[in-house]
Amino acid sequence: MMKTELVLETTAEFAAPMSTLCDMFDRAVATAPRAVALRHLGVALTYHEMGRAVAALARRLSSTMVPGDVIALVLPNSIEFQIAYFAALKALTAPALLNPLYPAAQLGPLLRDAAPRARTRHSQRDLLGAGCCRP
């Protein structure tokens, strides 16, 4: 019987890929902090600014929630949604994405089914007031 030997080589060509979306985001923040990460309705956010906002919200979520808790993101497609989504992932919570344009009659059952421990609210002024976005 012939024995087979497994040889593992580690080179840049065979480097392990980034493991999570958060890893990819953190790498973008570290390597291109001045690059524009998002633009929406005349507002631009750099990776550095977004990274700061995501980290702050993730810390807040981590202080009140435990990994696996559901957070309902009832937000439109916006910079605010992106910050909340990445913060939820960093805090190891489970984001439930809900459309804020749904009428209450449709949104209510979805919220009951998701059973979130927390829910976001929409206020672009909060982000602009924090100085994390620039028009």
Protein backbone atom coordinates (compact mmCIF):
# COMPACT_ATOMS: atom_id res chain seq x y z
CA MET A 1 0.00 0.00 0.00
CA MET A 2 1.33 3.42 -0.97
CA LYS A 3 1.35 6.26 1.57
CA THR A 4 0.45 9.75 0.44
CA GLU A 5 1.96 12.75 2.15
CA LEU A 6 0.11 16.03 2.24
CA VAL A 7 2.37 19.04 1.86
CA LEU A 8 0.97 22.48 2.64
CA GLU A 9 2.71 25.50 1.22
CA THR A 10 1.99 29.04 2.27
CA THR A 11 2.80 31.73 -0.23
CA ALA A 12 1.17 34.99 -1.15
CA GLU A 13 -0.46 33.19 -4.06
CA PHE A 14 -2.14 30.73 -1.69
CA ALA A 15 -2.92 33.11 1.16
CA ALA A 16 -6.24 32.49 2.86
CA PRO A 17 -9.00 34.82 1.70
CA MET A 18 -10.52 37.30 4.10
CA SER A 19 -13.00 35.37 6.17
CA THR A 20 -15.88 37.80 6.71
CA LEU A 21 -17.51 40.89 5.31
CA CYS A 22 -16.35 42.75 8.43
CA ASP A 23 -12.75 41.70 7.69
CA MET A 24 -13.06 43.13 4.19
CA PHE A 25 -14.53 46.36 5.53
CA ASP A 26 -11.79 46.71 8.17
CA ARG A 27 -9.15 46.19 5.50
CA ALA A 28 -10.69 48.94 3.34
CA VAL A 29 -10.74 51.29 6.36
CA ALA A 30 -7.07 50.51 7.09
CA THR A 31 -5.76 50.67 3.52
CA ALA A 32 -7.88 53.43 1.96
CA PRO A 33 -9.15 55.67 4.79
CA ARG A 34 -9.52 58.75 2.58
CA ALA A 35 -11.35 56.96 -0.24
CA VAL A 36 -15.07 57.59 -0.50
CA ALA A 37 -16.89 54.54 0.80
CA LEU A 38 -20.45 55.73 0.13
CA ARG A 39 -22.30 58.50 -1.62
CA HIS A 40 -26.00 59.11 -1.14
CA LEU A 41 -28.15 62.14 -1.89
CA GLY A 42 -25.20 64.53 -2.05
CA VAL A 43 -23.50 63.18 1.08
CA ALA A 44 -20.15 61.40 0.87
CA LEU A 45 -18.57 59.28 3.57
CA THR A 46 -14.93 58.15 3.56
CA TYR A 47 -13.87 54.74 4.83
CA HIS A 48 -12.29 56.43 7.85
CA GLU A 49 -15.51 58.29 8.69
CA MET A 50 -17.62 55.21 8.12
CA GLY A 51 -15.25 53.09 10.19
CA ARG A 52 -15.54 55.53 13.10
CA ALA A 53 -19.34 55.59 12.91
CA VAL A 54 -19.58 51.79 12.60
CA ALA A 55 -17.23 51.23 15.54
CA ALA A 56 -19.14 53.68 17.76
CA LEU A 57 -22.50 52.08 17.02
CA ALA A 58 -21.07 48.56 17.35
CA ARG A 59 -19.75 49.44 20.83
CA ARG A 60 -23.16 50.76 21.81
CA LEU A 61 -24.90 47.63 20.50
CA SER A 62 -22.39 45.37 22.25
CA SER A 63 -23.05 47.11 25.56
CA THR A 64 -26.78 46.38 25.43
CA MET A 65 -27.05 43.18 23.38
CA VAL A 66 -25.44 39.76 23.35
CA PRO A 67 -24.13 37.92 20.27
CA GLY A 68 -27.01 36.41 18.34
CA ASP A 69 -29.62 38.95 19.48
CA VAL A 70 -31.77 40.28 16.64
CA ILE A 71 -31.74 43.96 15.79
CA ALA A 72 -34.41 45.24 13.42
CA LEU A 73 -32.99 47.66 10.85
CA VAL A 74 -36.05 49.56 9.69
CA LEU A 75 -34.15 51.93 7.45
CA PRO A 76 -34.25 53.03 3.82
CA ASN A 77 -31.31 52.39 1.50
CA SER A 78 -28.97 55.04 2.84
CA ILE A 79 -25.63 55.74 4.47
CA GLU A 80 -27.35 55.29 7.81
CA PHE A 81 -28.47 51.79 6.80
CA GLN A 82 -24.92 50.83 5.82
CA ILE A 83 -23.52 52.05 9.14
CA ALA A 84 -26.21 50.21 11.11
CA TYR A 85 -25.74 47.01 9.07
CA PHE A 86 -21.96 46.86 9.51
CA ALA A 87 -22.27 47.80 13.21
CA ALA A 88 -24.77 44.99 13.75
CA LEU A 89 -22.37 42.52 12.12
CA LYS A 90 -19.41 43.79 14.17
CA ALA A 91 -21.47 43.48 17.37
CA LEU A 92 -22.23 39.86 16.37
CA THR A 93 -25.96 40.57 16.34
CA ALA A 94 -28.37 39.36 13.67
CA PRO A 95 -29.71 42.21 11.55
CA ALA A 96 -33.33 41.81 10.42
CA LEU A 97 -33.72 44.04 7.36
CA LEU A 98 -37.17 45.60 7.16
CA ASN A 99 -38.53 48.08 4.64
CA PRO A 100 -39.64 51.31 6.35
CA LEU A 101 -42.08 51.96 3.49
CA TYR A 102 -44.22 48.99 4.50
CA PRO A 103 -47.49 49.99 6.13
CA ALA A 104 -47.79 49.24 9.84
CA ALA A 105 -50.17 46.37 9.06
CA GLN A 106 -47.37 44.61 7.16
CA LEU A 107 -44.46 45.72 9.32
CA GLY A 108 -46.07 44.66 12.62
CA PRO A 109 -46.17 40.91 11.88
CA LEU A 110 -42.61 41.00 10.52
CA LEU A 111 -41.38 42.66 13.71
CA ARG A 112 -43.25 40.13 15.85
CA ASP A 113 -41.74 37.24 13.88
CA ALA A 114 -38.21 38.68 14.06
CA ALA A 115 -38.60 39.34 17.81
CA PRO A 116 -35.82 41.94 17.86
CA ARG A 117 -34.17 42.99 21.06
CA ALA A 118 -33.58 46.43 19.55
CA ARG A 119 -34.78 48.46 16.59
CA THR A 120 -33.19 51.32 14.67
CA ARG A 121 -34.86 54.61 13.90
CA HIS A 122 -34.17 56.88 10.98
CA SER A 123 -32.57 60.25 11.57
CA GLN A 124 -30.01 61.44 9.04
CA ARG A 125 -29.53 64.54 11.19
CA ASP A 126 -27.95 62.34 13.88
CA LEU A 127 -25.22 61.25 11.46
CA LEU A 128 -24.64 64.71 10.00
CA GLY A 129 -24.63 66.27 13.46
CA ALA A 130 -21.96 63.82 14.58
CA GLY A 131 -19.66 65.18 11.89
CA CYS A 132 -19.16 61.82 10.24
CA CYS A 133 -20.57 62.85 6.87
CA ARG A 134 -19.74 65.68 4.55
CA PRO A 135 -22.01 67.09 1.85
